[in-house]
C-alpha atoms as a PDB file:
ATOM      1  CA  MET A   1       0.000   0.000   0.000  1.00  0.00           C
ATOM      2  CA  PRO A   2       1.480   3.389  -0.984  1.00  0.00           C
ATOM      3  CA  PHE A   3       2.158   5.882   1.775  1.00  0.00           C
ATOM      4  CA  HIS A   4      -0.471   8.388   0.665  1.00  0.00           C
ATOM      5  CA  GLU A   5      -3.231   5.779   1.094  1.00  0.00           C
ATOM      6  CA  ARG A   6      -2.459   5.067   4.742  1.00  0.00           C
ATOM      7  CA  LYS A   7      -4.591   6.251   7.645  1.00  0.00           C
ATOM      8  CA  TYR A   8      -2.604   9.250   8.860  1.00  0.00           C
ATOM      9  CA  ALA A   9      -1.019  10.173   5.526  1.00  0.00           C
ATOM     10  CA  ASN A  10      -3.307  13.160   4.981  1.00  0.00           C
ATOM     11  CA  LEU A  11      -2.348  14.691   8.322  1.00  0.00           C
ATOM     12  CA  ALA A  12       1.352  13.913   7.848  1.00  0.00           C
ATOM     13  CA  LEU A  13       1.434  15.409   4.342  1.00  0.00           C
ATOM     14  CA  ARG A  14      -0.389  18.551   5.439  1.00  0.00           C
ATOM     15  CA  LEU A  15       1.939  18.980   8.440  1.00  0.00           C
ATOM     16  CA  ALA A  16       4.950  18.492   6.173  1.00  0.00           C
ATOM     17  CA  GLY A  17       3.492  21.188   3.927  1.00  0.00           C
ATOM     18  CA  LEU A  18       3.146  23.574   6.850  1.00  0.00           C
ATOM     19  CA  VAL A  19       6.730  22.863   7.915  1.00  0.00           C
ATOM     20  CA  LEU A  20       7.957  23.585   4.380  1.00  0.00           C
ATOM     21  CA  LEU A  21       5.928  26.801   4.326  1.00  0.00           C
ATOM     22  CA  GLY A  22       7.503  27.796   7.643  1.00  0.00           C
ATOM     23  CA  ILE A  23      11.007  27.096   6.358  1.00  0.00           C
ATOM     24  CA  GLY A  24      10.300  29.066   3.204  1.00  0.00           C
ATOM     25  CA  GLY A  25       8.894  31.941   5.251  1.00  0.00           C
ATOM     26  CA  LEU A  26      11.954  32.061   7.479  1.00  0.00           C
ATOM     27  CA  ILE A  27      14.272  32.130   4.486  1.00  0.00           C
ATOM     28  CA  TRP A  28      12.212  34.874   2.783  1.00  0.00           C
ATOM     29  CA  ARG A  29      12.276  36.891   5.988  1.00  0.00           C
ATOM     30  CA  HIS A  30      16.044  36.547   6.162  1.00  0.00           C
ATOM     31  CA  LEU A  31      16.430  37.598   2.536  1.00  0.00           C
ATOM     32  CA  PHE A  32      14.184  40.645   2.900  1.00  0.00           C
ATOM     33  CA  ALA A  33      15.972  41.717   6.086  1.00  0.00           C
ATOM     34  CA  ALA A  34      19.403  41.582   4.412  1.00  0.00           C
ATOM     35  CA  ALA A  35      21.075  44.994   4.297  1.00  0.00           C
ATOM     36  CA  ASP A  36      21.865  45.065   0.573  1.00  0.00           C
ATOM     37  CA  PRO A  37      21.930  41.667  -1.126  1.00  0.00           C
ATOM     38  CA  THR A  38      23.147  43.215  -4.389  1.00  0.00           C
ATOM     39  CA  ALA A  39      26.203  44.952  -2.876  1.00  0.00           C
ATOM     40  CA  ARG A  40      28.489  42.137  -3.971  1.00  0.00           C
ATOM     41  CA  PHE A  41      27.637  39.316  -6.282  1.00  0.00           C
ATOM     42  CA  ARG A  42      27.453  36.202  -4.180  1.00  0.00           C
ATOM     43  CA  ALA A  43      25.680  32.946  -4.851  1.00  0.00           C
ATOM     44  CA  LEU A  44      24.266  32.506  -1.341  1.00  0.00           C
ATOM     45  CA  PRO A  45      21.266  34.874  -1.693  1.00  0.00           C
ATOM     46  CA  TYR A  46      20.326  33.246  -4.977  1.00  0.00           C
ATOM     47  CA  LEU A  47      20.639  29.777  -3.499  1.00  0.00           C
ATOM     48  CA  LEU A  48      18.523  30.802  -0.509  1.00  0.00           C
ATOM     49  CA  ALA A  49      15.903  32.309  -2.818  1.00  0.00           C
ATOM     50  CA  LEU A  50      15.796  29.083  -4.819  1.00  0.00           C
ATOM     51  CA  ILE A  51      15.371  26.995  -1.671  1.00  0.00           C
ATOM     52  CA  ALA A  52      12.694  29.365  -0.355  1.00  0.00           C
ATOM     53  CA  MET A  53      10.749  29.267  -3.618  1.00  0.00           C
ATOM     54  CA  VAL A  54      10.824  25.480  -3.916  1.00  0.00           C
ATOM     55  CA  SER A  55      10.025  25.041  -0.232  1.00  0.00           C
ATOM     56  CA  SER A  56       7.129  27.497  -0.351  1.00  0.00           C
ATOM     57  CA  SER A  57       5.678  26.003  -3.538  1.00  0.00           C
ATOM     58  CA  ALA A  58       5.886  22.407  -2.360  1.00  0.00           C
ATOM     59  CA  GLY A  59       4.625  23.367   1.088  1.00  0.00           C
ATOM     60  CA  ALA A  60       1.603  25.173  -0.327  1.00  0.00           C
ATOM     61  CA  ALA A  61       0.712  22.208  -2.538  1.00  0.00           C
ATOM     62  CA  LEU A  62       1.057  19.723   0.319  1.00  0.00           C
ATOM     63  CA  ALA A  63      -0.795  21.901   2.835  1.00  0.00           C
ATOM     64  CA  LEU A  64      -3.698  22.580   0.477  1.00  0.00           C
ATOM     65  CA  PHE A  65      -4.181  19.153  -1.080  1.00  0.00           C
ATOM     66  CA  GLY A  66      -2.684  16.662   1.380  1.00  0.00           C
ATOM     67  CA  ARG A  67      -3.107  13.119   0.122  1.00  0.00           C
ATOM     68  CA  HIS A  68      -5.353  14.316  -2.702  1.00  0.00           C
ATOM     69  CA  LEU A  69      -2.221  15.591  -4.409  1.00  0.00           C
ATOM     70  CA  PHE A  70      -1.696  11.991  -5.551  1.00  0.00           C
ATOM     71  CA  ASP A  71      -5.253  11.329  -6.774  1.00  0.00           C
ATOM     72  CA  GLN A  72      -5.524   9.899 -10.251  1.00  0.00           C
ATOM     73  CA  VAL A  73      -7.457  11.966 -12.724  1.00  0.00           C
ATOM     74  CA  GLU A  74      -9.163  10.916 -15.915  1.00  0.00           C
ATOM     75  CA  LEU A  75      -7.519  12.207 -19.054  1.00  0.00           C
ATOM     76  CA  SER A  76      -9.365  12.973 -22.238  1.00  0.00           C
ATOM     77  CA  ALA A  77      -8.774  10.769 -25.246  1.00  0.00           C
ATOM     78  CA  ARG A  78      -6.791  13.546 -26.871  1.00  0.00           C
ATOM     79  CA  TRP A  79      -3.977  13.218 -24.307  1.00  0.00           C
ATOM     80  CA  THR A  80      -3.799   9.433 -24.061  1.00  0.00           C
ATOM     81  CA  VAL A  81      -2.084   6.928 -26.293  1.00  0.00           C
ATOM     82  CA  HIS A  82      -4.564   4.348 -27.464  1.00  0.00           C
ATOM     83  CA  ALA A  83      -3.632   0.689 -27.421  1.00  0.00           C
ATOM     84  CA  SER A  84      -3.837   0.438 -31.214  1.00  0.00           C
ATOM     85  CA  ALA A  85      -1.502   3.415 -31.665  1.00  0.00           C
ATOM     86  CA  ARG A  86       0.892   1.966 -29.094  1.00  0.00           C
ATOM     87  CA  ALA A  87       0.870  -1.405 -30.891  1.00  0.00           C
ATOM     88  CA  ALA A  88       1.499   0.287 -34.251  1.00  0.00           C
ATOM     89  CA  ARG A  89       4.373   2.300 -32.775  1.00  0.00           C
ATOM     90  CA  ASP A  90       5.919  -0.836 -31.237  1.00  0.00           C
ATOM     91  CA  ARG A  91       5.530  -2.747 -34.507  1.00  0.00           C
ATOM     92  CA  SER A  92       7.155   0.119 -36.411  1.00  0.00           C
ATOM     93  CA  ALA A  93      10.075   0.155 -33.974  1.00  0.00           C
ATOM     94  CA  GLN A  94      10.511  -3.605 -34.421  1.00  0.00           C
ATOM     95  CA  LEU A  95      10.548  -3.257 -38.203  1.00  0.00           C
ATOM     96  CA  ARG A  96      13.085  -0.429 -38.060  1.00  0.00           C
ATOM     97  CA  ALA A  97      15.301  -2.487 -35.772  1.00  0.00           C
ATOM     98  CA  ARG A  98      15.042  -5.491 -38.108  1.00  0.00           C
ATOM     99  CA  ASP A  99      15.857  -3.350 -41.157  1.00  0.00           C
ATOM    100  CA  ALA A 100      18.861  -1.826 -39.387  1.00  0.00           C
ATOM    101  CA  GLN A 101      20.421  -5.264 -38.892  1.00  0.00           C
END
């Protein structure tokens, strides 16, 4: 059974999202409180901004959706590969491989 289907997975995922949001918030606060981050070109502020952005984005997704983040959705026929098209593609690949030998 995958983790997101377990009993307390929803709570754990939402708490992890809140923790990531908190980490992102602390990093943003540090970056905004910096005296002049552009005084000298250093990689640290950019690295911190990257970590804060990823942490905040992932935290928001986890906090809002919880285990429903992993729900399967139905795709329209336009975006799926039909079995007949898949079989034709596989057959074409086999013929190309045979011809290449």
